[in-house]
Amino acid sequence: MTDLRAPDYLDIALGGTILGTGGGGSYTAARRVAERVLRRRRVRLVALEDVPTRARVVTAAAMGSPEAIRDKPFTTQARLAVQALEAATGERASYVLPVETGGFNHIACMTASAGRNLSVVDADGAGRSIPRLDQTLLYAHGVPFSPFTLADDHGRTITVAAGEFALEQRIALNALEYFGWLAGLACFPMTGKQVKMSSVPGTISLARRVGAAVREAARSGDDILQTVLAVTGGMELIRGKIAGVQTETDGSYTFGTLKVRGSGEHAGSVVSVKSMNENMIAWKDGRLAAVAPDRICYLGPGGRPVTNADVSLGDSIDVFVIEAQRQWKTGAAQGLFSETLKAMGHNSSYVSAEGSSHHPRP
């Protein structure tokens, strides 16, 4: 068990955003919550293997539009959502788990423990950021999504237990609109045994290490991308400038294509990244370079975290990829992205980033 304090929250916000595969929420918002909500609080971080088998665990997160997350305060919403879920299930939780990797949702989960005897599990339900909650490893392992609860900062809550994910998602979006497009979310009530079988361990600690390494590299003048790759075991795809940005919004999803033209030793190369909120597939010089669940990530000048909401034509950017964790190396887990990838032009089975260069672009 580790007690997290103010400097840790800032490192987690930074590192988690870098690891967030182009999504996972705004770094500015994550830092704001770290500084204003958590700064004077301690959060107990517990290793996944130390969670008792029969313990009650719930996921806690923020749910909202990028604009609302950026502009509105996130304070008590996650804590209120967890309390509403406890009331709905009749069972008090002892642990909360982030639903995904991302600076904002790692930090948002921690706010659920504020003022309560709740520990945060050093793990999350995806090991990357994901566009939909049915693309988590929790969902792949059959952990029931519902009942789930939403709460706003006025104390209004809604509990849903429809038993059908598509219907529950529609209800959640309608409620979210009523709540001003920002709410705390609590879902996936489960046992310690279930969370050990269906989550990726060590993701919060990894975010903290990445954030600390970036901060130190920026201070000392070291190569920040190489520092991140050393911590994560990732692979450099390209360093260059953004030569093209295309986005299209459909409902709650933003579909995008980012084109990066290489510079320096990467001169003459081009990387294209397609995203559905989060980065899903990348090609380099016409050949497949990475595909979800591998993690396609961005890094800006000086170690600045970059999401798909931050990119602008002409910006300098580094693109790198981290191979998916072993928990994703099953057919059921990889199949969660099949429909999304097919719509983006990838009809083959998963190929790790290490072997992707052998596959031409369709």
Protein backbone atom coordinates (compact mmCIF):
# COMPACT_ATOMS: atom_id res chain seq x y z
CA MET A 1 0.00 0.00 0.00
CA THR A 2 1.22 3.49 -0.90
CA ASP A 3 -0.07 6.86 0.27
CA LEU A 4 -0.31 9.24 -2.65
CA ARG A 5 0.14 12.97 -2.10
CA ALA A 6 0.07 16.20 -4.08
CA PRO A 7 3.22 15.69 -6.23
CA ASP A 8 2.08 12.16 -7.10
CA TYR A 9 -1.27 13.39 -8.42
CA LEU A 10 0.46 15.82 -10.77
CA ASP A 11 2.76 13.09 -12.10
CA ILE A 12 -0.21 10.73 -12.58
CA ALA A 13 -2.14 13.43 -14.43
CA LEU A 14 0.82 14.04 -16.74
CA GLY A 15 1.86 10.43 -17.31
CA GLY A 16 -1.70 9.15 -17.58
CA THR A 17 -2.55 11.69 -20.28
CA ILE A 18 0.54 10.72 -22.30
CA LEU A 19 -0.46 7.05 -22.02
CA GLY A 20 -4.09 7.80 -22.86
CA THR A 21 -3.86 6.83 -26.57
CA GLY A 22 -5.01 10.26 -27.72
CA GLY A 23 -8.03 10.30 -25.40
CA GLY A 24 -8.83 9.74 -21.75
CA GLY A 25 -9.65 13.36 -20.98
CA SER A 26 -7.95 16.71 -20.84
CA TYR A 27 -4.60 17.12 -19.08
CA THR A 28 -5.61 20.64 -18.10
CA ALA A 29 -8.71 19.28 -16.38
CA ALA A 30 -6.76 16.45 -14.73
CA ARG A 31 -4.23 18.90 -13.34
CA ARG A 32 -6.98 21.22 -12.13
CA VAL A 33 -8.64 18.43 -10.16
CA ALA A 34 -5.26 17.30 -8.78
CA GLU A 35 -4.46 20.81 -7.59
CA ARG A 36 -7.88 21.89 -6.32
CA VAL A 37 -9.59 18.72 -5.10
CA LEU A 38 -6.85 16.27 -4.12
CA ARG A 39 -3.94 18.53 -3.17
CA ARG A 40 -4.52 18.36 0.59
CA ARG A 41 -5.74 14.76 0.66
CA ARG A 42 -4.01 11.42 0.83
CA VAL A 43 -5.19 8.53 -1.30
CA ARG A 44 -4.34 4.93 -0.45
CA LEU A 45 -3.09 3.05 -3.51
CA VAL A 46 -3.26 -0.74 -3.17
CA ALA A 47 -1.59 -3.27 -5.46
CA LEU A 48 -3.99 -5.49 -7.38
CA GLU A 49 -2.63 -8.67 -5.80
CA ASP A 50 -3.33 -7.26 -2.32
CA VAL A 51 -7.08 -6.83 -2.91
CA PRO A 52 -8.93 -9.53 -0.92
CA THR A 53 -10.84 -12.04 -3.04
CA ARG A 54 -14.19 -11.23 -1.44
CA ALA A 55 -13.72 -7.47 -1.28
CA ARG A 56 -16.34 -5.26 -2.91
CA VAL A 57 -14.92 -3.20 -5.78
CA VAL A 58 -16.56 -0.66 -8.11
CA THR A 59 -15.21 1.41 -10.96
CA ALA A 60 -15.42 5.18 -10.69
CA ALA A 61 -14.90 7.67 -13.49
CA ALA A 62 -15.99 10.90 -15.09
CA MET A 63 -18.37 10.80 -18.03
CA GLY A 64 -18.85 13.81 -20.24
CA SER A 65 -18.11 15.79 -23.35
CA PRO A 66 -14.55 17.07 -23.89
CA GLU A 67 -15.80 20.65 -23.64
CA ALA A 68 -17.59 20.08 -20.33
CA ILE A 69 -14.61 18.20 -18.87
CA ARG A 70 -12.38 21.08 -19.90
CA ASP A 71 -14.60 23.90 -18.66
CA LYS A 72 -16.61 22.64 -15.67
CA PRO A 73 -15.36 21.70 -12.17
CA PHE A 74 -15.21 18.03 -11.22
CA THR A 75 -15.39 17.74 -7.44
CA THR A 76 -17.85 15.41 -5.71
CA GLN A 77 -19.51 13.74 -8.71
CA ALA A 78 -17.58 10.44 -8.59
CA ARG A 79 -17.99 10.10 -4.82
CA LEU A 80 -21.74 10.69 -5.08
CA ALA A 81 -22.02 8.16 -7.90
CA VAL A 82 -20.25 5.51 -5.82
CA GLN A 83 -22.52 6.20 -2.86
CA ALA A 84 -25.57 5.84 -5.10
CA LEU A 85 -24.27 2.54 -6.45
CA GLU A 86 -23.70 1.27 -2.91
CA ALA A 87 -27.29 2.17 -2.08
CA ALA A 88 -28.54 0.38 -5.20
CA THR A 89 -26.60 -2.83 -4.53
CA GLY A 90 -26.93 -2.76 -0.74
CA GLU A 91 -23.17 -3.39 -0.44
CA ARG A 92 -20.52 -0.96 0.69
CA ALA A 93 -17.42 -0.81 -1.48
CA SER A 94 -13.93 -1.02 -0.03
CA TYR A 95 -12.03 -0.31 -3.25
CA VAL A 96 -12.47 1.79 -6.37
CA LEU A 97 -10.89 1.06 -9.74
CA PRO A 98 -10.32 3.45 -12.66
CA VAL A 99 -12.27 2.33 -15.70
CA GLU A 100 -9.40 3.15 -18.10
CA THR A 101 -5.90 4.58 -18.35
CA GLY A 102 -5.96 8.35 -18.74
CA GLY A 103 -4.77 11.29 -16.71
CA PHE A 104 -8.25 12.66 -16.09
CA ASN A 105 -10.00 9.36 -15.34
CA HIS A 106 -7.21 8.15 -13.06
CA ILE A 107 -7.56 11.38 -11.09
CA ALA A 108 -11.38 11.39 -11.30
CA CYS A 109 -11.47 7.91 -9.76
CA MET A 110 -9.35 9.11 -6.85
CA THR A 111 -11.86 11.82 -5.98
CA ALA A 112 -14.33 9.04 -5.13
CA SER A 113 -12.17 8.13 -2.14
CA ALA A 114 -12.05 11.67 -0.76
CA GLY A 115 -13.29 11.70 2.82
CA ARG A 116 -14.13 7.97 2.73
CA ASN A 117 -12.47 4.75 3.78
CA LEU A 118 -11.96 3.70 0.16
CA SER A 119 -8.67 2.56 -1.35
CA VAL A 120 -7.80 2.94 -5.04
CA VAL A 121 -6.63 -0.19 -6.84
CA ASP A 122 -3.35 0.22 -8.75
CA ALA A 123 -4.90 -1.12 -11.95
CA ASP A 124 -7.68 -0.23 -14.36
CA GLY A 125 -10.28 -1.87 -16.54
CA ALA A 126 -8.56 -1.42 -19.89
CA GLY A 127 -4.87 -0.54 -19.59
CA ARG A 128 -5.51 2.15 -22.24
CA SER A 129 -8.26 4.64 -23.01
CA ILE A 130 -11.33 3.30 -24.78
CA PRO A 131 -14.26 4.94 -26.61
CA ARG A 132 -16.96 2.71 -25.13
CA LEU A 133 -17.42 0.95 -21.82
CA ASP A 134 -18.14 -2.32 -23.64
CA GLN A 135 -14.53 -2.18 -24.89
CA THR A 136 -13.07 -2.73 -21.44
CA LEU A 137 -11.47 -5.98 -20.29
CA LEU A 138 -14.07 -5.99 -17.51
CA TYR A 139 -16.80 -6.32 -20.15
CA ALA A 140 -14.81 -8.96 -22.05
CA HIS A 141 -14.60 -11.08 -18.89
CA GLY A 142 -18.33 -10.90 -18.28
CA VAL A 143 -18.34 -8.52 -15.31
CA PRO A 144 -21.87 -7.03 -15.28
CA PHE A 145 -21.86 -3.36 -16.22
CA SER A 146 -25.05 -2.58 -14.30
CA PRO A 147 -26.44 -1.41 -12.10
CA PHE A 148 -24.63 1.82 -12.81
CA THR A 149 -25.12 5.30 -11.44
CA LEU A 150 -24.53 8.85 -12.61
CA ALA A 151 -24.27 11.90 -10.34
CA ASP A 152 -23.84 15.61 -10.97
CA ASP A 153 -22.33 18.28 -8.75
CA HIS A 154 -25.77 19.27 -7.42
CA GLY A 155 -26.25 15.85 -5.81
CA ARG A 156 -28.73 14.58 -8.39
CA THR A 157 -28.26 10.88 -9.16
CA ILE A 158 -29.73 8.32 -11.50
CA THR A 159 -29.50 4.54 -11.18
CA VAL A 160 -29.95 2.29 -14.21
CA ALA A 161 -30.25 -1.49 -14.31
CA ALA A 162 -31.78 -2.32 -17.69
CA GLY A 163 -29.65 -5.43 -18.26
CA GLU A 164 -28.98 -4.51 -21.90
CA PHE A 165 -25.86 -2.48 -22.64
CA ALA A 166 -27.15 -0.65 -25.74
CA LEU A 167 -30.23 0.52 -23.85
CA GLU A 168 -28.20 1.46 -20.78
CA GLN A 169 -25.81 3.48 -22.94
CA ARG A 170 -28.71 5.39 -24.50
CA ILE A 171 -30.19 6.13 -21.07
CA ALA A 172 -26.80 7.29 -19.81
CA LEU A 173 -26.36 9.71 -22.70
CA ASN A 174 -29.82 11.18 -22.17
CA ALA A 175 -29.13 11.63 -18.46
CA LEU A 176 -25.73 13.10 -19.21
CA GLU A 177 -27.30 15.76 -21.42
CA TYR A 178 -29.67 16.66 -18.59
CA PHE A 179 -26.69 16.89 -16.20
CA GLY A 180 -24.91 19.39 -18.45
CA TRP A 181 -22.63 16.83 -20.14
CA LEU A 182 -20.52 16.10 -17.07
CA ALA A 183 -21.22 13.50 -14.38
CA GLY A 184 -19.56 11.06 -12.06
CA LEU A 185 -19.99 7.42 -13.10
CA ALA A 186 -19.91 4.30 -10.94
CA CYS A 187 -20.36 0.90 -12.57
CA PHE A 188 -19.09 -2.68 -12.84
CA PRO A 189 -19.77 -3.70 -9.21
CA MET A 190 -17.61 -6.76 -8.59
CA THR A 191 -15.54 -8.80 -6.18
CA GLY A 192 -11.81 -8.78 -5.63
CA LYS A 193 -11.64 -12.10 -7.47
CA GLN A 194 -13.32 -10.61 -10.52
CA VAL A 195 -11.13 -7.52 -10.59
CA LYS A 196 -7.98 -9.66 -10.45
CA MET A 197 -9.17 -11.71 -13.43
CA SER A 198 -10.22 -8.79 -15.61
CA SER A 199 -8.05 -5.72 -15.09
CA VAL A 200 -4.52 -4.59 -15.96
CA PRO A 201 -2.27 -4.21 -12.89
CA GLY A 202 0.11 -1.37 -12.13
CA THR A 203 -1.32 1.23 -14.49
CA ILE A 204 -1.48 4.08 -11.98
CA SER A 205 2.10 3.44 -10.85
CA LEU A 206 3.18 3.38 -14.50
CA ALA A 207 1.48 6.73 -15.13
CA ARG A 208 3.23 8.16 -12.08
CA ARG A 209 6.64 6.88 -13.27
CA VAL A 210 6.09 8.28 -16.76
CA GLY A 211 5.04 11.66 -15.38
CA ALA A 212 8.02 11.84 -13.04
CA ALA A 213 10.42 10.77 -15.80
CA VAL A 214 9.06 13.40 -18.20
CA ARG A 215 9.32 16.11 -15.57
CA GLU A 216 12.92 15.16 -14.75
CA ALA A 217 13.93 14.83 -18.43
CA ALA A 218 12.50 18.27 -19.19
CA ARG A 219 14.46 19.73 -16.27
CA SER A 220 17.75 18.06 -17.22
CA GLY A 221 17.46 18.50 -20.97
CA ASP A 222 17.39 14.78 -21.77
CA ASP A 223 15.56 13.39 -24.80
CA ILE A 224 12.02 13.19 -23.43
CA LEU A 225 10.64 10.69 -25.95
CA GLN A 226 13.54 8.29 -25.39
CA THR A 227 12.97 8.65 -21.65
CA VAL A 228 9.31 7.69 -22.04
CA LEU A 229 10.20 4.75 -24.27
CA ALA A 230 12.71 3.50 -21.68
CA VAL A 231 10.03 3.53 -18.97
CA THR A 232 7.24 1.99 -21.07
CA GLY A 233 9.08 -0.31 -23.47
CA GLY A 234 7.46 1.57 -26.35
CA MET A 235 8.63 2.05 -29.93
CA GLU A 236 9.14 5.32 -31.76
CA LEU A 237 7.03 5.71 -34.92
CA ILE A 238 7.84 9.23 -36.06
CA ARG A 239 8.94 12.70 -35.01
CA GLY A 240 7.66 15.51 -37.15
CA LYS A 241 4.92 18.04 -37.74
CA ILE A 242 1.19 17.67 -38.18
CA ALA A 243 0.48 17.94 -41.91
CA GLY A 244 -3.23 17.15 -41.83
CA VAL A 245 -6.15 16.97 -39.38
CA GLN A 246 -9.62 15.73 -40.27
CA THR A 247 -12.44 15.21 -37.76
CA GLU A 248 -16.08 14.23 -37.96
CA THR A 249 -18.49 13.99 -35.06
CA ASP A 250 -21.20 11.35 -34.93
CA GLY A 251 -23.23 11.37 -31.73
CA SER A 252 -20.87 11.08 -28.76
CA TYR A 253 -17.91 9.98 -30.91
CA THR A 254 -15.33 12.00 -32.79
CA PHE A 255 -13.71 10.21 -35.73
CA GLY A 256 -10.39 11.64 -36.80
CA THR A 257 -7.43 11.21 -39.10
CA LEU A 258 -4.08 12.76 -38.21
CA LYS A 259 -1.21 12.94 -40.70
CA VAL A 260 2.33 13.51 -39.43
CA ARG A 261 5.17 14.32 -41.83
CA GLY A 262 8.55 13.30 -40.47
CA SER A 263 11.51 15.57 -39.84
CA GLY A 264 15.16 14.98 -39.01
CA GLU A 265 15.98 11.29 -39.25
CA HIS A 266 12.32 10.68 -40.09
CA ALA A 267 12.34 13.06 -43.08
CA GLY A 268 10.43 11.57 -46.01
CA SER A 269 8.21 9.37 -43.85
CA VAL A 270 4.52 9.91 -43.16
CA VAL A 271 2.41 8.41 -40.37
CA SER A 272 -1.39 8.46 -40.51
CA VAL A 273 -3.41 7.77 -37.35
CA LYS A 274 -7.14 7.06 -37.32
CA SER A 275 -9.09 7.55 -34.13
CA MET A 276 -12.53 7.02 -32.65
CA ASN A 277 -12.11 9.39 -29.69
CA GLU A 278 -8.97 7.33 -28.95
CA ASN A 279 -6.27 6.22 -31.41
CA MET A 280 -7.15 2.92 -33.06
CA ILE A 281 -4.86 2.33 -36.04
CA ALA A 282 -1.69 3.81 -37.56
CA TRP A 283 0.06 3.40 -40.89
CA LYS A 284 3.63 4.42 -41.67
CA ASP A 285 4.62 4.93 -45.30
CA GLY A 286 1.66 2.89 -46.49
CA ARG A 287 2.18 -0.06 -44.16
CA LEU A 288 0.35 -0.98 -41.01
CA ALA A 289 2.34 0.24 -38.01
CA ALA A 290 0.00 -0.33 -35.05
CA VAL A 291 -3.55 -1.41 -34.32
CA ALA A 292 -5.68 -1.46 -31.16
CA PRO A 293 -5.42 -2.76 -28.52
CA ASP A 294 -1.79 -1.63 -28.96
CA ARG A 295 -1.45 1.88 -27.59
CA ILE A 296 -0.73 4.67 -30.09
CA CYS A 297 0.37 7.72 -28.11
CA TYR A 298 1.47 11.31 -28.66
CA LEU A 299 4.05 13.56 -27.07
CA GLY A 300 4.39 17.29 -27.66
CA PRO A 301 7.42 19.59 -27.35
CA GLY A 302 8.92 19.76 -23.89
CA GLY A 303 7.00 16.65 -22.81
CA ARG A 304 3.61 18.31 -23.24
CA PRO A 305 0.83 15.69 -23.24
CA VAL A 306 -1.25 15.78 -26.43
CA THR A 307 -4.72 14.36 -26.99
CA ASN A 308 -6.78 14.31 -30.16
CA ALA A 309 -8.60 17.39 -28.87
CA ASP A 310 -5.30 19.32 -28.77
CA VAL A 311 -3.83 18.75 -32.24
CA SER A 312 -3.43 21.61 -34.72
CA LEU A 313 -1.95 21.86 -38.19
CA GLY A 314 1.78 22.61 -38.10
CA ASP A 315 2.32 21.50 -34.50
CA SER A 316 5.41 19.45 -33.68
CA ILE A 317 4.53 16.01 -32.39
CA ASP A 318 6.10 12.64 -31.62
CA VAL A 319 4.11 9.46 -32.19
CA PHE A 320 5.00 6.23 -30.42
CA VAL A 321 3.39 2.88 -29.78
CA ILE A 322 3.34 0.55 -26.78
CA GLU A 323 2.34 -3.06 -27.35
CA ALA A 324 -0.87 -4.17 -25.65
CA GLN A 325 -0.62 -5.85 -22.26
CA ARG A 326 -0.89 -9.62 -22.09
CA GLN A 327 -4.46 -9.32 -20.78
CA TRP A 328 -5.44 -8.23 -24.31
CA LYS A 329 -3.88 -11.25 -26.02
CA THR A 330 -7.06 -13.31 -26.12
CA GLY A 331 -9.60 -13.58 -28.91
CA ALA A 332 -12.47 -12.31 -26.74
CA ALA A 333 -10.53 -9.22 -25.70
CA GLN A 334 -9.16 -8.37 -29.14
CA GLY A 335 -12.60 -8.85 -30.66
CA LEU A 336 -13.85 -5.80 -28.74
CA PHE A 337 -12.21 -3.56 -31.35
CA SER A 338 -13.04 -5.62 -34.46
CA GLU A 339 -16.08 -3.61 -35.57
CA THR A 340 -14.33 -0.28 -35.06
CA LEU A 341 -11.18 -1.38 -36.87
CA LYS A 342 -13.13 -2.86 -39.77
CA ALA A 343 -14.87 0.48 -40.30
CA MET A 344 -11.41 2.07 -40.46
CA GLY A 345 -10.15 -0.30 -43.15
CA HIS A 346 -8.46 -3.03 -41.11
CA ASN A 347 -10.11 -6.37 -41.82
CA SER A 348 -7.39 -8.69 -40.53
CA SER A 349 -6.84 -10.15 -37.08
CA TYR A 350 -4.72 -8.37 -34.49
CA VAL A 351 -1.03 -8.01 -35.30
CA SER A 352 1.31 -6.65 -32.65
CA ALA A 353 3.15 -3.42 -33.42
CA GLU A 354 6.42 -5.36 -33.64
CA GLY A 355 5.11 -7.38 -36.58
CA SER A 356 2.85 -4.82 -38.21
CA SER A 357 5.37 -3.47 -40.75
CA HIS A 358 4.94 -6.64 -42.83
CA HIS A 359 1.31 -5.80 -43.58
CA PRO A 360 0.56 -3.35 -46.41
CA ARG A 361 -2.19 -0.79 -46.12
CA PRO A 362 -5.46 -1.97 -47.68
